[in-house]
Amino acid sequence: MSQKLKRYLSLDVLRGLAIIGVFSFHVMNQSYDYNAVMAGDPGIIFYILLVPLVFIGEFDVLFVCLSAIVNTISIDKKWNRIITKWEGDPREGKKHAFWTLIKTQLIRGLFIAVLGYVAEVLLNHMLLYTILREPNIIDESVQMLFRSHILWLIGVGLIVTSLIYLLMKRADWSRKRMIVTFITISVCTLFVVTPLLQWLYPTLGFPNKPQDLWQTTDIGTNILRIILAPFIKDDFPFFPDISIMFVGVIIGFLISKEQVEKRHLNWFFMVSMFLFVVGAAFYFLESTLESTLDSVFIEVEAGIYLMTSGGSILAILIFLYLLDVRRGRKQVKFFYFQRFGIMSLSLWMLQWVMVFPIMLLQLILNAINYGFNWATFVLTRDGPFFNEGLGGYGVIGELIYILAFWTLVLWLWQKIDFIGSFEWITVKLMSGKQGHERARISDAITNVESISDPPKKYYGAGMVILFFVVFLIYCVLYTAITMLL
């Protein structure tokens, strides 16, 4: 009998839009000629591209938060299934459920973390730099071992949050006690643990950029720095980024029941605005005290983190309400974004693949300009696409072209149930051969699970419009604040 994987539509669509936003942000950074545009009148296209992408481009916190939400929902379902089938002492049943799920989460988290290094070191750097003929390929690739990666963050974060959450469930903590505890841990992580570690690392002789010194450092010290650096340094440090995962756990167990309550959605909205306003205030404070903080090696960047966290929570609220709580009948229109969402982690790992359709496009343009000769092929990596040589309309055209490429890839990949993808490997690893034969990832696109049955209309059109307006305000304010200060 076939077991169908069920997914929440809103979370998949939101992850799909987020990964599209990340692609767009990276393409824009590689191709958009900011200097030429800013030298004159930027024009409306500049603002259409810049305002949302500057904000959404920082939405790695959204990926992290969504991972925690989905993981928590999965834990609740598996926990309830184990407890329901248990016929002995309830305490022994909870103990059995605890250790069963801990083992599963440990394997899954470590697998994701290891793949993070494979993706960033071997694929998105060593392989990509080889294709683009970048200098110092080996040095750049080795340096990535000392840096933090989002898949590593998600993998280790899932292990930590799962352990804490399962301990709470085993001890029969109330929902209120869980929320207060997770909020306390999250706040302390951001404002106490992170600055303390950032001050402590250099105090103990840990360099600010250990990846720059690996060639002159002994192997034992290098190994220690590789292990410790991702916890506090670089783009996706464990501290403070684990903070948003604790928030994701709260959201996850609040929506994992059959009904999502209006008061929870209202709470999401208020928390979103609170985080953004406080984040803006902290950004101004950090900018004012920048020299003082630099002198003690503290770079928390709490302002940016809080503003993007607030935007992420509002985005979750909007999509959760419209697609899962209030949901309409025509869900087929979202299949496009669901494919991107379901395969979001695989797409993150495969960002290096984007160079091939871009090189093909450059090859065609070169053939038109120079004819078919050796220069046509040599110059495919030296055109405007890889060297910030495009204007606004050119970047929009490139984005449409890249999305068309990924759309074709995902459509064809779905025909074989996404075999070989990160998600396919995870399902096979977690369920074994028999479980993999029962469950098909592609079924999740059409087999949508309802969060609220029957649908609930908590808000009128005016309130929904307000949600979108507030999000747009976030985009404008964030872009203005971060670019002007």
Foldseek 3Di string as FASTA:
>chain_A
DFDEDADALLLLLLLLVLLLLLLLLVLCVQFAQPVVCVVDPVDPLNCVSQLQSVLSNLLLLLVLLSLLLVLLLVLVVQLVVQQVPDDDDSLVSLVVSLVVVLVLLLVLLVVQLVVQLCLVLVNVQLVLCVVLVPPPRVLVSQLVLLEAGSSNLSSVLSNVLSNVVSVCVSVVHDLVVLLVVLLVVLVCLLPPVQQVVQLVCVVVVNDQRVSVCVVVDDPVVVVVSSVPNQCHHDDRHNGPSSSSSSVSSSNNVQLSAQARDPVVLVVLLVQLVVLQVVLLVVLVVCVVCVVVSVVSRHDSSSSSVSLSSSLSSLSSSLSCQDPFQQRDDPLVVSLLSSLCSLQVSLCVSNSSVLLVVQLVVQLVVLCVVPNDDPCSNVCSSVDSSRHNNDRSVVSVVSSVSSSVVVSVVSVVCVVVLVPPGPSLVSQCVSPPPVRSVSYGSSSNSVNYDHSYPPHDDPDDPVVSVVSVVVSSVSSNVVSCSVVVD
